[in-house]
N, C-alpha and C. Protein backbone atom coordinates (compact mmCIF):
# COMPACT_ATOMS: atom_id res chain seq x y z
N MET A 1 28.35 74.29 -50.76
CA MET A 1 28.70 75.58 -51.28
C MET A 1 28.06 76.63 -50.40
N PRO A 2 28.79 77.66 -49.97
CA PRO A 2 28.21 78.67 -49.10
C PRO A 2 27.17 79.48 -49.83
N PRO A 3 26.13 79.95 -49.09
CA PRO A 3 25.12 80.76 -49.75
C PRO A 3 25.70 82.07 -50.24
N ALA A 4 25.18 82.55 -51.35
CA ALA A 4 25.63 83.81 -51.91
C ALA A 4 24.54 84.86 -51.72
N GLU A 5 24.92 86.13 -51.79
CA GLU A 5 23.94 87.18 -51.64
C GLU A 5 23.10 87.32 -52.90
N THR A 6 23.64 86.95 -54.05
CA THR A 6 22.87 86.98 -55.29
C THR A 6 23.02 85.64 -55.96
N ALA A 7 22.06 85.29 -56.73
CA ALA A 7 22.11 84.02 -57.47
C ALA A 7 22.21 84.33 -58.94
N ARG A 8 22.94 83.49 -59.66
CA ARG A 8 23.04 83.62 -61.11
C ARG A 8 22.41 82.39 -61.72
N ASN A 9 21.55 82.60 -62.69
CA ASN A 9 20.86 81.49 -63.33
C ASN A 9 21.18 81.52 -64.81
N GLN A 10 21.85 80.45 -65.29
CA GLN A 10 22.15 80.34 -66.71
C GLN A 10 21.39 79.14 -67.23
N ARG A 11 20.80 79.27 -68.42
CA ARG A 11 20.09 78.16 -69.05
C ARG A 11 20.73 77.83 -70.37
N ALA A 12 20.89 76.54 -70.62
CA ALA A 12 21.29 76.05 -71.94
C ALA A 12 20.20 75.07 -72.36
N PRO A 13 19.02 75.59 -72.74
CA PRO A 13 17.84 74.75 -72.81
C PRO A 13 17.58 73.94 -74.07
N ALA A 14 17.85 74.44 -75.24
CA ALA A 14 17.42 73.74 -76.44
C ALA A 14 18.29 74.13 -77.61
N PRO A 15 18.23 73.37 -78.69
CA PRO A 15 19.03 73.70 -79.86
C PRO A 15 18.69 75.10 -80.37
N GLU A 16 19.71 75.80 -80.87
CA GLU A 16 19.49 77.15 -81.39
C GLU A 16 18.45 77.15 -82.50
N SER A 17 18.37 76.09 -83.28
CA SER A 17 17.39 76.05 -84.36
C SER A 17 15.96 76.10 -83.84
N ARG A 18 15.74 75.59 -82.63
CA ARG A 18 14.40 75.61 -82.06
C ARG A 18 14.23 76.80 -81.12
N LEU A 19 15.30 77.47 -80.76
CA LEU A 19 15.25 78.57 -79.81
C LEU A 19 16.13 79.69 -80.33
N PRO A 20 15.65 80.49 -81.28
CA PRO A 20 16.49 81.46 -81.98
C PRO A 20 16.92 82.65 -81.12
N GLY A 21 16.40 82.81 -79.97
CA GLY A 21 16.76 83.93 -79.11
C GLY A 21 16.53 83.55 -77.67
N PRO A 22 16.28 84.54 -76.84
CA PRO A 22 15.99 84.22 -75.44
C PRO A 22 14.80 83.28 -75.33
N SER A 23 14.78 82.49 -74.28
CA SER A 23 13.67 81.56 -74.07
C SER A 23 12.36 82.31 -74.00
N PRO A 24 11.30 81.70 -74.48
CA PRO A 24 10.00 82.34 -74.34
C PRO A 24 9.74 82.65 -72.87
N GLY A 25 9.33 83.85 -72.59
CA GLY A 25 9.05 84.25 -71.22
C GLY A 25 10.29 84.69 -70.47
N LEU A 26 11.46 84.57 -71.08
CA LEU A 26 12.69 85.00 -70.42
C LEU A 26 13.35 86.04 -71.32
N PRO A 27 13.19 87.32 -70.98
CA PRO A 27 13.78 88.37 -71.81
C PRO A 27 15.29 88.33 -71.76
N SER A 28 15.92 89.25 -72.44
CA SER A 28 17.38 89.32 -72.41
C SER A 28 17.82 89.42 -70.95
N PRO A 29 19.11 89.20 -70.67
CA PRO A 29 19.55 89.13 -69.27
C PRO A 29 18.93 90.22 -68.41
N THR A 30 18.31 89.78 -67.32
CA THR A 30 17.65 90.71 -66.41
C THR A 30 17.98 90.36 -64.98
N THR A 31 17.84 91.33 -64.12
CA THR A 31 18.00 91.10 -62.69
C THR A 31 16.67 91.42 -62.03
N GLY A 32 16.12 90.46 -61.33
CA GLY A 32 14.84 90.64 -60.66
C GLY A 32 14.99 91.34 -59.33
N ALA A 33 13.88 91.58 -58.69
CA ALA A 33 13.84 92.30 -57.42
C ALA A 33 14.63 91.59 -56.33
N GLU A 34 14.74 90.28 -56.41
CA GLU A 34 15.45 89.52 -55.38
C GLU A 34 16.95 89.39 -55.68
N GLY A 35 17.44 90.06 -56.71
CA GLY A 35 18.85 89.99 -57.04
C GLY A 35 19.23 88.78 -57.87
N VAL A 36 18.25 88.11 -58.48
CA VAL A 36 18.52 86.95 -59.31
C VAL A 36 18.65 87.42 -60.75
N THR A 37 19.79 87.16 -61.35
CA THR A 37 20.02 87.51 -62.74
C THR A 37 19.86 86.25 -63.58
N ALA A 38 19.10 86.35 -64.65
CA ALA A 38 18.85 85.19 -65.51
C ALA A 38 19.14 85.53 -66.96
N ALA A 39 19.63 84.55 -67.69
CA ALA A 39 19.88 84.70 -69.13
C ALA A 39 19.81 83.31 -69.76
N ALA A 40 19.50 83.25 -71.04
CA ALA A 40 19.43 81.98 -71.77
C ALA A 40 20.64 81.84 -72.67
N PHE A 41 21.16 80.62 -72.75
CA PHE A 41 22.29 80.30 -73.61
C PHE A 41 21.93 79.03 -74.38
N PRO A 42 21.29 79.18 -75.55
CA PRO A 42 20.79 78.02 -76.30
C PRO A 42 21.88 77.01 -76.62
N ALA A 43 21.52 75.75 -76.45
CA ALA A 43 22.44 74.66 -76.74
C ALA A 43 21.62 73.41 -77.04
N ASP A 44 22.29 72.40 -77.52
CA ASP A 44 21.64 71.14 -77.84
C ASP A 44 22.47 70.03 -77.20
N VAL A 45 21.87 69.23 -76.33
CA VAL A 45 22.61 68.15 -75.67
C VAL A 45 23.10 67.11 -76.66
N LEU A 46 22.49 67.07 -77.87
CA LEU A 46 22.96 66.15 -78.89
C LEU A 46 24.16 66.69 -79.66
N ASP A 47 24.43 67.98 -79.50
CA ASP A 47 25.55 68.65 -80.16
C ASP A 47 26.49 69.12 -79.05
N ARG A 48 27.37 68.22 -78.62
CA ARG A 48 28.20 68.50 -77.46
C ARG A 48 29.09 69.73 -77.61
N PRO A 49 29.63 70.03 -78.79
CA PRO A 49 30.39 71.29 -78.91
C PRO A 49 29.52 72.52 -78.65
N SER A 50 28.23 72.50 -79.09
CA SER A 50 27.36 73.66 -78.82
C SER A 50 27.04 73.75 -77.34
N LEU A 51 26.94 72.62 -76.68
CA LEU A 51 26.69 72.61 -75.24
C LEU A 51 27.87 73.23 -74.50
N ALA A 52 29.08 72.82 -74.85
CA ALA A 52 30.27 73.40 -74.22
C ALA A 52 30.38 74.89 -74.51
N ALA A 53 30.05 75.29 -75.76
CA ALA A 53 30.11 76.71 -76.11
C ALA A 53 29.10 77.53 -75.32
N ALA A 54 27.88 76.98 -75.12
CA ALA A 54 26.86 77.69 -74.34
C ALA A 54 27.31 77.85 -72.89
N LEU A 55 27.90 76.80 -72.33
CA LEU A 55 28.39 76.89 -70.94
C LEU A 55 29.55 77.87 -70.83
N ASP A 56 30.43 77.88 -71.83
CA ASP A 56 31.52 78.86 -71.85
C ASP A 56 30.97 80.28 -71.91
N ALA A 57 29.94 80.50 -72.74
CA ALA A 57 29.33 81.83 -72.86
C ALA A 57 28.68 82.24 -71.54
N ALA A 58 28.02 81.30 -70.88
CA ALA A 58 27.39 81.60 -69.59
C ALA A 58 28.45 81.95 -68.54
N ALA A 59 29.53 81.17 -68.52
CA ALA A 59 30.61 81.45 -67.56
C ALA A 59 31.22 82.82 -67.84
N GLU A 60 31.40 83.15 -69.11
CA GLU A 60 31.95 84.45 -69.47
C GLU A 60 31.02 85.57 -69.03
N ARG A 61 29.73 85.42 -69.29
CA ARG A 61 28.74 86.45 -68.96
C ARG A 61 28.62 86.68 -67.46
N PHE A 62 28.67 85.59 -66.68
CA PHE A 62 28.42 85.69 -65.25
C PHE A 62 29.68 85.55 -64.39
N GLY A 63 30.82 85.43 -65.02
CA GLY A 63 32.05 85.32 -64.24
C GLY A 63 32.26 83.94 -63.63
N GLY A 64 31.65 82.93 -64.19
CA GLY A 64 31.82 81.57 -63.70
C GLY A 64 30.49 80.87 -63.53
N ILE A 65 30.54 79.58 -63.31
CA ILE A 65 29.36 78.77 -63.05
C ILE A 65 29.58 78.08 -61.71
N ASP A 66 28.70 78.36 -60.77
CA ASP A 66 28.79 77.77 -59.44
C ASP A 66 28.08 76.42 -59.37
N VAL A 67 26.96 76.32 -60.09
CA VAL A 67 26.14 75.11 -60.06
C VAL A 67 25.76 74.75 -61.49
N LEU A 68 26.00 73.51 -61.86
CA LEU A 68 25.53 72.99 -63.14
C LEU A 68 24.41 72.01 -62.83
N GLU A 69 23.22 72.26 -63.37
CA GLU A 69 22.09 71.35 -63.22
C GLU A 69 21.79 70.81 -64.60
N TYR A 70 21.91 69.50 -64.77
CA TYR A 70 21.75 68.85 -66.07
C TYR A 70 20.55 67.92 -66.00
N SER A 71 19.52 68.22 -66.77
CA SER A 71 18.33 67.36 -66.78
C SER A 71 17.65 67.46 -68.13
N PRO A 72 18.24 66.85 -69.16
CA PRO A 72 17.62 66.93 -70.48
C PRO A 72 16.31 66.17 -70.50
N ALA A 73 15.31 66.82 -71.02
CA ALA A 73 14.01 66.17 -71.18
C ALA A 73 13.38 66.74 -72.44
N PRO A 74 12.96 65.89 -73.36
CA PRO A 74 12.36 66.41 -74.58
C PRO A 74 11.07 67.17 -74.27
N HIS A 75 10.95 68.36 -74.85
CA HIS A 75 9.75 69.16 -74.67
C HIS A 75 8.90 69.13 -75.94
N ALA A 76 9.38 68.46 -76.93
CA ALA A 76 8.68 68.30 -78.20
C ALA A 76 9.13 66.96 -78.77
N PRO A 77 8.40 66.41 -79.70
CA PRO A 77 8.85 65.14 -80.28
C PRO A 77 10.27 65.26 -80.83
N VAL A 78 11.09 64.29 -80.51
CA VAL A 78 12.47 64.25 -80.99
C VAL A 78 12.57 63.10 -81.98
N PRO A 79 13.00 63.39 -83.21
CA PRO A 79 13.11 62.32 -84.21
C PRO A 79 13.97 61.16 -83.69
N GLY A 80 13.45 59.95 -83.85
CA GLY A 80 14.20 58.77 -83.44
C GLY A 80 13.97 58.36 -82.00
N HIS A 81 13.28 59.19 -81.22
CA HIS A 81 13.01 58.84 -79.82
C HIS A 81 11.68 58.13 -79.72
N THR A 82 11.74 56.91 -79.28
CA THR A 82 10.52 56.15 -79.05
C THR A 82 10.62 55.52 -77.67
N LEU A 83 9.50 55.20 -77.11
CA LEU A 83 9.47 54.48 -75.85
C LEU A 83 9.39 52.99 -76.16
N ALA A 84 10.07 52.18 -75.36
CA ALA A 84 10.06 50.74 -75.60
C ALA A 84 10.03 50.00 -74.27
N VAL A 85 9.14 49.02 -74.19
CA VAL A 85 9.14 48.13 -73.04
C VAL A 85 10.41 47.27 -73.12
N PRO A 86 10.85 46.70 -72.02
CA PRO A 86 12.12 45.96 -72.04
C PRO A 86 12.26 44.92 -73.15
N THR A 87 11.19 44.20 -73.47
CA THR A 87 11.30 43.16 -74.51
C THR A 87 11.38 43.74 -75.92
N GLU A 88 11.13 45.05 -76.06
CA GLU A 88 11.21 45.69 -77.37
C GLU A 88 12.39 46.66 -77.50
N VAL A 89 13.27 46.69 -76.49
CA VAL A 89 14.44 47.55 -76.55
C VAL A 89 15.39 47.01 -77.60
N THR A 90 15.86 47.91 -78.47
CA THR A 90 16.84 47.55 -79.49
C THR A 90 18.05 48.45 -79.32
N ALA A 91 19.13 48.10 -79.97
CA ALA A 91 20.32 48.96 -79.92
C ALA A 91 19.98 50.36 -80.42
N ASP A 92 19.15 50.47 -81.44
CA ASP A 92 18.81 51.77 -82.00
C ASP A 92 17.96 52.62 -81.07
N ASN A 93 16.88 52.03 -80.50
CA ASN A 93 16.05 52.87 -79.63
C ASN A 93 16.68 53.12 -78.27
N LEU A 94 17.65 52.31 -77.89
CA LEU A 94 18.41 52.59 -76.68
C LEU A 94 19.48 53.64 -76.96
N GLN A 95 20.13 53.53 -78.12
CA GLN A 95 21.19 54.49 -78.47
C GLN A 95 20.66 55.92 -78.49
N SER A 96 19.47 56.13 -79.04
CA SER A 96 18.94 57.50 -79.09
C SER A 96 18.69 58.05 -77.69
N GLN A 97 18.30 57.20 -76.76
CA GLN A 97 18.09 57.65 -75.38
C GLN A 97 19.42 57.93 -74.69
N LEU A 98 20.42 57.11 -74.95
CA LEU A 98 21.76 57.36 -74.40
C LEU A 98 22.32 58.68 -74.91
N GLU A 99 22.17 58.92 -76.22
CA GLU A 99 22.63 60.18 -76.80
C GLU A 99 21.95 61.36 -76.12
N TYR A 100 20.66 61.26 -75.89
CA TYR A 100 19.89 62.38 -75.37
C TYR A 100 20.09 62.57 -73.87
N LEU A 101 20.03 61.48 -73.11
CA LEU A 101 20.05 61.59 -71.65
C LEU A 101 21.44 61.56 -71.03
N VAL A 102 22.38 60.84 -71.63
CA VAL A 102 23.65 60.57 -70.95
C VAL A 102 24.84 61.35 -71.49
N TYR A 103 25.08 61.31 -72.78
CA TYR A 103 26.35 61.77 -73.31
C TYR A 103 26.64 63.26 -73.09
N GLY A 104 25.63 64.07 -72.98
CA GLY A 104 25.86 65.49 -72.71
C GLY A 104 26.35 65.76 -71.29
N ALA A 105 26.03 64.87 -70.34
CA ALA A 105 26.41 65.10 -68.94
C ALA A 105 27.93 65.17 -68.75
N PRO A 106 28.70 64.19 -69.24
CA PRO A 106 30.15 64.32 -69.10
C PRO A 106 30.70 65.51 -69.88
N ALA A 107 30.09 65.80 -71.04
CA ALA A 107 30.55 66.96 -71.82
C ALA A 107 30.32 68.25 -71.04
N ALA A 108 29.15 68.38 -70.42
CA ALA A 108 28.85 69.58 -69.62
C ALA A 108 29.76 69.64 -68.40
N ALA A 109 29.96 68.51 -67.74
CA ALA A 109 30.82 68.50 -66.56
C ALA A 109 32.26 68.88 -66.92
N ARG A 110 32.75 68.35 -68.04
CA ARG A 110 34.12 68.69 -68.47
C ARG A 110 34.25 70.17 -68.81
N ALA A 111 33.15 70.79 -69.25
CA ALA A 111 33.20 72.21 -69.59
C ALA A 111 33.30 73.10 -68.36
N VAL A 112 32.72 72.66 -67.24
CA VAL A 112 32.69 73.52 -66.05
C VAL A 112 33.65 73.10 -64.94
N LEU A 113 34.05 71.83 -64.91
CA LEU A 113 34.89 71.34 -63.80
C LEU A 113 36.24 72.03 -63.66
N PRO A 114 36.96 72.33 -64.73
CA PRO A 114 38.26 72.98 -64.53
C PRO A 114 38.16 74.28 -63.73
N ALA A 115 37.19 75.12 -64.05
CA ALA A 115 37.02 76.38 -63.32
C ALA A 115 36.55 76.12 -61.89
N MET A 116 35.68 75.12 -61.71
CA MET A 116 35.23 74.78 -60.36
C MET A 116 36.40 74.30 -59.50
N ARG A 117 37.24 73.46 -60.09
CA ARG A 117 38.42 72.97 -59.35
C ARG A 117 39.34 74.13 -58.99
N GLN A 118 39.54 75.04 -59.95
CA GLN A 118 40.40 76.19 -59.69
C GLN A 118 39.82 77.06 -58.58
N ALA A 119 38.50 77.23 -58.57
CA ALA A 119 37.85 78.04 -57.54
C ALA A 119 37.77 77.29 -56.20
N GLY A 120 37.92 75.97 -56.26
CA GLY A 120 37.84 75.18 -55.04
C GLY A 120 36.42 74.92 -54.58
N ALA A 121 35.44 75.14 -55.46
CA ALA A 121 34.04 74.92 -55.09
C ALA A 121 33.21 74.76 -56.34
N GLY A 122 32.10 74.10 -56.20
CA GLY A 122 31.16 73.95 -57.30
C GLY A 122 30.25 72.77 -57.06
N THR A 123 29.12 72.78 -57.73
CA THR A 123 28.14 71.71 -57.57
C THR A 123 27.66 71.27 -58.94
N LEU A 124 27.61 69.97 -59.13
CA LEU A 124 27.07 69.37 -60.35
C LEU A 124 25.82 68.59 -59.95
N LEU A 125 24.69 68.91 -60.57
CA LEU A 125 23.44 68.20 -60.29
C LEU A 125 22.95 67.55 -61.57
N PHE A 126 22.72 66.26 -61.53
CA PHE A 126 22.21 65.52 -62.68
C PHE A 126 20.87 64.93 -62.28
N THR A 127 19.81 65.26 -63.02
CA THR A 127 18.47 64.81 -62.67
C THR A 127 17.99 63.79 -63.69
N THR A 128 17.48 62.69 -63.18
CA THR A 128 16.90 61.65 -64.03
C THR A 128 15.48 61.38 -63.57
N GLY A 129 14.79 60.53 -64.26
CA GLY A 129 13.47 60.11 -63.83
C GLY A 129 13.57 59.03 -62.78
N GLY A 130 12.48 58.81 -62.09
CA GLY A 130 12.44 57.78 -61.05
C GLY A 130 12.73 56.39 -61.58
N GLY A 131 12.55 56.19 -62.89
CA GLY A 131 12.82 54.89 -63.50
C GLY A 131 14.28 54.49 -63.46
N SER A 132 15.17 55.43 -63.16
CA SER A 132 16.59 55.08 -63.03
C SER A 132 16.83 54.26 -61.77
N VAL A 133 15.91 54.34 -60.81
CA VAL A 133 16.02 53.59 -59.55
C VAL A 133 14.93 52.51 -59.47
N HIS A 134 13.72 52.89 -59.83
CA HIS A 134 12.57 51.99 -59.81
C HIS A 134 11.98 51.94 -61.22
N PRO A 135 12.46 51.02 -62.06
CA PRO A 135 12.05 50.98 -63.46
C PRO A 135 10.55 50.85 -63.68
N ILE A 136 10.11 51.49 -64.75
CA ILE A 136 8.73 51.45 -65.20
C ILE A 136 8.75 50.74 -66.55
N ALA A 137 7.99 49.67 -66.69
CA ALA A 137 8.09 48.82 -67.88
C ALA A 137 7.92 49.58 -69.19
N MET A 138 6.99 50.52 -69.28
CA MET A 138 6.76 51.20 -70.56
C MET A 138 7.93 52.09 -70.97
N LEU A 139 8.87 52.32 -70.06
CA LEU A 139 10.03 53.17 -70.34
C LEU A 139 11.33 52.36 -70.30
N GLY A 140 11.28 51.14 -70.82
CA GLY A 140 12.44 50.25 -70.73
C GLY A 140 13.73 50.86 -71.25
N ASN A 141 13.70 51.50 -72.42
CA ASN A 141 14.93 52.08 -72.97
C ASN A 141 15.29 53.39 -72.26
N VAL A 142 14.30 54.18 -71.87
CA VAL A 142 14.56 55.43 -71.15
C VAL A 142 15.15 55.13 -69.77
N ASN A 143 14.57 54.14 -69.07
CA ASN A 143 15.08 53.77 -67.74
C ASN A 143 16.53 53.32 -67.81
N ALA A 144 16.88 52.54 -68.84
CA ALA A 144 18.26 52.05 -68.97
C ALA A 144 19.22 53.23 -69.15
N ALA A 145 18.84 54.20 -69.97
CA ALA A 145 19.70 55.37 -70.19
C ALA A 145 19.78 56.22 -68.92
N ALA A 146 18.65 56.43 -68.25
CA ALA A 146 18.65 57.22 -67.01
C ALA A 146 19.49 56.53 -65.94
N ALA A 147 19.42 55.21 -65.87
CA ALA A 147 20.23 54.46 -64.91
C ALA A 147 21.71 54.59 -65.25
N ALA A 148 22.04 54.64 -66.54
CA ALA A 148 23.44 54.82 -66.94
C ALA A 148 23.95 56.19 -66.47
N LEU A 149 23.13 57.23 -66.62
CA LEU A 149 23.53 58.56 -66.13
C LEU A 149 23.72 58.54 -64.62
N ARG A 150 22.79 57.94 -63.91
CA ARG A 150 22.88 57.85 -62.45
C ARG A 150 24.14 57.08 -62.04
N ASN A 151 24.42 55.96 -62.72
CA ASN A 151 25.61 55.17 -62.42
C ASN A 151 26.88 55.98 -62.65
N TRP A 152 26.95 56.69 -63.79
CA TRP A 152 28.12 57.52 -64.09
C TRP A 152 28.32 58.56 -62.98
N ASP A 153 27.22 59.20 -62.57
CA ASP A 153 27.31 60.20 -61.53
C ASP A 153 27.78 59.61 -60.21
N LEU A 154 27.28 58.44 -59.85
CA LEU A 154 27.72 57.80 -58.60
C LEU A 154 29.23 57.57 -58.61
N HIS A 155 29.76 57.14 -59.75
CA HIS A 155 31.21 56.93 -59.86
C HIS A 155 31.95 58.26 -59.86
N GLU A 156 31.39 59.27 -60.50
CA GLU A 156 32.02 60.59 -60.51
C GLU A 156 32.12 61.13 -59.10
N ARG A 157 31.08 60.90 -58.30
CA ARG A 157 31.07 61.38 -56.92
C ARG A 157 32.19 60.73 -56.09
N ARG A 158 32.50 59.48 -56.43
CA ARG A 158 33.55 58.76 -55.69
C ARG A 158 34.95 59.15 -56.15
N ASP A 159 35.03 59.84 -57.28
CA ASP A 159 36.31 60.25 -57.84
C ASP A 159 36.84 61.45 -57.07
N GLN A 160 37.88 61.23 -56.32
CA GLN A 160 38.41 62.29 -55.46
C GLN A 160 39.08 63.43 -56.22
N SER A 161 39.30 63.26 -57.53
CA SER A 161 39.95 64.33 -58.28
C SER A 161 39.02 65.53 -58.48
N CYS A 162 37.75 65.38 -58.11
CA CYS A 162 36.82 66.50 -58.19
C CYS A 162 37.19 67.58 -57.17
N GLY A 163 37.93 67.22 -56.12
CA GLY A 163 38.30 68.20 -55.11
C GLY A 163 37.08 68.66 -54.34
N SER A 164 36.84 69.96 -54.32
CA SER A 164 35.72 70.52 -53.58
C SER A 164 34.47 70.67 -54.44
N CYS A 165 34.43 70.00 -55.58
CA CYS A 165 33.25 70.04 -56.44
C CYS A 165 32.38 68.85 -56.08
N TRP A 166 31.10 69.09 -55.96
CA TRP A 166 30.22 68.04 -55.47
C TRP A 166 29.19 67.62 -56.51
N PRO A 167 29.39 66.47 -57.16
CA PRO A 167 28.36 65.97 -58.07
C PRO A 167 27.25 65.28 -57.28
N SER A 168 26.04 65.36 -57.79
CA SER A 168 24.90 64.72 -57.15
C SER A 168 23.87 64.39 -58.20
N CYS A 169 23.26 63.21 -58.07
CA CYS A 169 22.22 62.81 -59.01
C CYS A 169 20.91 62.69 -58.25
N SER A 170 19.87 63.23 -58.82
CA SER A 170 18.56 63.16 -58.22
C SER A 170 17.65 62.39 -59.15
N ALA A 171 16.97 61.41 -58.62
CA ALA A 171 15.97 60.68 -59.40
C ALA A 171 14.61 61.22 -58.99
N SER A 172 13.89 61.77 -59.93
CA SER A 172 12.57 62.31 -59.65
C SER A 172 11.67 61.22 -59.12
N PRO A 173 10.87 61.51 -58.10
CA PRO A 173 9.97 60.46 -57.58
C PRO A 173 8.92 60.09 -58.61
N GLU A 174 8.48 58.85 -58.52
CA GLU A 174 7.44 58.37 -59.47
C GLU A 174 6.08 58.73 -58.95
């Protein structure tokens, strides 16, 4: 994607119930000295319609989304989320990780890809932990979900119907 003279930063960080207004430390939409405009659009990756609505609101506010960066990470205890070593992984503790880490990614991509295809440009970034590539035993269920997101992204990248939109997955180093 060619560099732009100004950058637009949209956030869809957390459920509205936990984030009733702008993110802490991020006032209402502002433009900084460097020409970077930022605004928060609360959403919940577990509530895919709210995620799509937040991305739609961001696109409306900023005239489109050039880059989608998706990296859900719990910042507070999430009910039902537990860590499990591989021998203790169950369908239930794996399902909660899949819901949290994986299922929002295709929903978010589907919300922004049509406009990116129409514009002929766009970037999708999906970030996982290093365990998606080099598993860590104490994160057996988390690693499996992160690897599923990475695998989905690798296949999405090979899908030529994306046109000039470029998906990419980054695994954080351990």
